[in-house]
Amino acid sequence: MSTSDASLGGFDDAVSACPLVPEDSDNDELAKRYPVGFTDYPFSEIGDIPYENAPIRLCWIIDWDRNKYATILLVGHVGIFSVKSGYLYKKPGRLGQVKSYTNKELDLLMKDRCELCHREKGGALGNENVVGGVVVCDYCHAAAIVTAEAAEWLI
């Protein structure tokens, strides 16, 4: 699993630095859709004690509020969890010992995989559509529908 640091030159650099498929993943669909991170944040809802060291856990980053909080799925646990984005790391480790994802990296990682606009329109990661074998964001899909309807009306 590659976890080298991103150069931030662009989306592809950030994605290539993020392990998208955990080696021991049982859930291929999640692994293909969402970036992977690590966290040592304590979650009381699964038995962690607040303000004490929690285990370092592998997680999928499924959303980010573009401010401070991320929504994650913890590998081996049921449920969706909220965590401060500063507690999402690129490599297994603890706060201060390993690098956290920066806001810019999370912005790049959470963009969609649209093959038409190449992530420029800002569709949501994991909400893409496949139309005619092409992965498109909701914005490009809607534009195609409007264009097709207009073409039918003109005929």
Protein backbone atom coordinates (compact mmCIF):
# COMPACT_ATOMS: atom_id res chain seq x y z
CA MET A 1 0.00 0.00 0.00
CA SER A 2 1.57 3.29 -1.08
CA THR A 3 1.25 6.20 1.33
CA SER A 4 3.85 8.63 0.04
CA ASP A 5 3.17 12.35 0.50
CA ALA A 6 1.33 14.28 -2.21
CA SER A 7 3.14 17.03 -4.10
CA LEU A 8 -0.16 18.93 -4.41
CA GLY A 9 0.61 19.68 -8.03
CA GLY A 10 -2.89 18.50 -8.92
CA PHE A 11 -5.64 16.03 -8.24
CA ASP A 12 -3.82 13.03 -9.66
CA ASP A 13 -0.77 13.68 -7.46
CA ALA A 14 -2.93 13.77 -4.34
CA VAL A 15 -4.85 10.65 -5.35
CA SER A 16 -1.71 8.69 -6.19
CA ALA A 17 -0.38 9.54 -2.72
CA CYS A 18 -3.53 8.21 -1.07
CA PRO A 19 -4.06 4.47 -0.78
CA LEU A 20 -7.47 3.98 -2.37
CA VAL A 21 -7.66 0.22 -1.92
CA PRO A 22 -6.62 -1.26 1.44
CA GLU A 23 -4.78 -4.52 0.95
CA ASP A 24 -7.04 -6.38 3.39
CA SER A 25 -10.29 -4.84 2.19
CA ASP A 26 -13.35 -7.08 2.14
CA ASN A 27 -15.47 -4.32 0.66
CA ASP A 28 -14.15 -3.61 -2.83
CA GLU A 29 -16.92 -1.12 -3.66
CA LEU A 30 -16.01 1.20 -0.77
CA ALA A 31 -12.33 0.81 -1.48
CA LYS A 32 -12.82 1.87 -5.11
CA ARG A 33 -14.96 4.92 -4.26
CA TYR A 34 -13.42 6.57 -1.22
CA PRO A 35 -9.95 7.66 -0.13
CA VAL A 36 -8.32 5.87 2.76
CA GLY A 37 -6.90 7.44 5.89
CA PHE A 38 -5.95 6.52 9.41
CA THR A 39 -7.17 7.95 12.70
CA ASP A 40 -6.45 7.58 16.39
CA TYR A 41 -9.44 9.68 17.41
CA PRO A 42 -11.34 8.20 20.39
CA PHE A 43 -14.96 7.26 19.63
CA SER A 44 -16.97 6.73 22.82
CA GLU A 45 -19.76 5.03 20.84
CA ILE A 46 -17.47 2.04 20.21
CA GLY A 47 -15.97 1.95 23.69
CA ASP A 48 -13.00 4.33 23.49
CA ILE A 49 -12.32 6.49 26.52
CA PRO A 50 -12.37 10.23 25.71
CA TYR A 51 -9.01 12.02 26.04
CA GLU A 52 -7.09 8.72 26.14
CA ASN A 53 -5.15 7.10 23.31
CA ALA A 54 -7.44 5.12 21.02
CA PRO A 55 -6.23 2.41 18.63
CA ILE A 56 -4.93 3.59 15.27
CA ARG A 57 -7.65 2.62 12.80
CA LEU A 58 -7.94 2.39 9.03
CA CYS A 59 -10.87 4.39 7.66
CA TRP A 60 -12.58 5.48 4.46
CA ILE A 61 -13.12 9.23 4.14
CA ILE A 62 -16.61 9.57 2.70
CA ASP A 63 -17.24 13.29 3.13
CA TRP A 64 -15.65 16.49 4.35
CA ASP A 65 -17.45 19.72 5.28
CA ARG A 66 -14.70 21.91 3.74
CA ASN A 67 -14.09 23.37 7.20
CA LYS A 68 -13.21 21.12 10.14
CA TYR A 69 -15.10 17.80 10.18
CA ALA A 70 -14.97 14.67 8.06
CA THR A 71 -17.39 11.78 7.86
CA ILE A 72 -15.68 8.40 7.88
CA LEU A 73 -16.34 4.67 7.94
CA LEU A 74 -14.05 2.76 10.28
CA VAL A 75 -12.81 -0.57 8.99
CA GLY A 76 -14.18 -3.29 11.25
CA HIS A 77 -16.93 -1.14 12.78
CA VAL A 78 -20.55 -0.55 11.79
CA GLY A 79 -21.76 3.01 11.47
CA ILE A 80 -20.75 6.41 10.21
CA PHE A 81 -18.47 8.51 12.39
CA SER A 82 -17.59 12.21 12.50
CA VAL A 83 -14.01 13.22 13.19
CA LYS A 84 -12.04 16.45 13.14
CA SER A 85 -10.10 16.48 9.89
CA GLY A 86 -6.83 17.10 11.74
CA TYR A 87 -7.13 13.54 13.07
CA LEU A 88 -7.07 12.03 9.56
CA TYR A 89 -3.57 10.85 8.73
CA LYS A 90 -1.89 9.70 5.55
CA LYS A 91 -0.03 6.89 7.33
CA PRO A 92 -0.71 4.88 10.48
CA GLY A 93 0.40 6.87 13.52
CA ARG A 94 -0.54 9.39 16.15
CA LEU A 95 -1.27 13.11 16.08
CA GLY A 96 2.01 14.99 15.81
CA GLN A 97 3.98 11.90 14.73
CA VAL A 98 2.54 11.55 11.22
CA LYS A 99 1.18 14.08 8.74
CA SER A 100 -2.52 14.86 8.71
CA TYR A 101 -4.33 15.51 5.45
CA THR A 102 -4.35 19.23 4.69
CA ASN A 103 -7.53 21.05 3.67
CA LYS A 104 -6.19 21.31 0.11
CA GLU A 105 -5.54 17.56 -0.05
CA LEU A 106 -9.00 16.75 1.28
CA ASP A 107 -10.52 19.15 -1.28
CA LEU A 108 -8.71 17.33 -4.08
CA LEU A 109 -9.45 13.84 -2.77
CA MET A 110 -13.16 14.48 -2.27
CA LYS A 111 -13.88 15.63 -5.84
CA ASP A 112 -15.71 13.30 -8.18
CA ARG A 113 -14.23 11.16 -10.95
CA CYS A 114 -16.12 12.78 -13.87
CA GLU A 115 -14.59 11.94 -17.24
CA LEU A 116 -16.29 14.85 -19.05
CA CYS A 117 -15.51 17.94 -16.98
CA HIS A 118 -12.50 16.29 -15.26
CA ARG A 119 -13.67 17.33 -11.79
CA GLU A 120 -14.04 21.02 -12.68
CA LYS A 121 -17.76 21.30 -11.87
CA GLY A 122 -17.34 19.98 -8.33
CA GLY A 123 -19.62 16.96 -8.24
CA ALA A 124 -19.64 14.82 -5.10
CA LEU A 125 -17.30 11.86 -4.81
CA GLY A 126 -19.27 8.60 -4.88
CA ASN A 127 -22.30 10.22 -6.51
CA GLU A 128 -21.17 9.79 -10.09
CA ASN A 129 -23.35 8.25 -12.79
CA VAL A 130 -22.32 5.92 -15.59
CA VAL A 131 -23.94 7.00 -18.85
CA GLY A 132 -23.05 5.09 -21.99
CA GLY A 133 -20.04 3.59 -20.23
CA VAL A 134 -18.69 7.03 -19.23
CA VAL A 135 -18.42 8.15 -15.59
CA VAL A 136 -20.06 11.59 -15.25
CA CYS A 137 -20.96 13.94 -12.40
CA ASP A 138 -24.54 15.07 -11.80
CA TYR A 139 -23.80 18.42 -13.46
CA CYS A 140 -22.59 16.87 -16.72
CA HIS A 141 -25.39 14.28 -16.63
CA ALA A 142 -28.01 17.04 -16.25
CA ALA A 143 -26.43 19.05 -19.08
CA ALA A 144 -26.56 16.00 -21.34
CA ILE A 145 -30.24 15.43 -20.54
CA VAL A 146 -31.12 19.07 -21.24
CA THR A 147 -29.15 18.99 -24.49
CA ALA A 148 -30.87 15.76 -25.59
CA GLU A 149 -34.33 17.14 -24.75
CA ALA A 150 -33.58 20.35 -26.64
CA ALA A 151 -32.40 18.33 -29.65
CA GLU A 152 -35.65 16.29 -29.64
CA TRP A 153 -37.73 19.46 -29.39
CA LEU A 154 -35.95 21.00 -32.38
CA ILE A 155 -36.50 17.93 -34.57
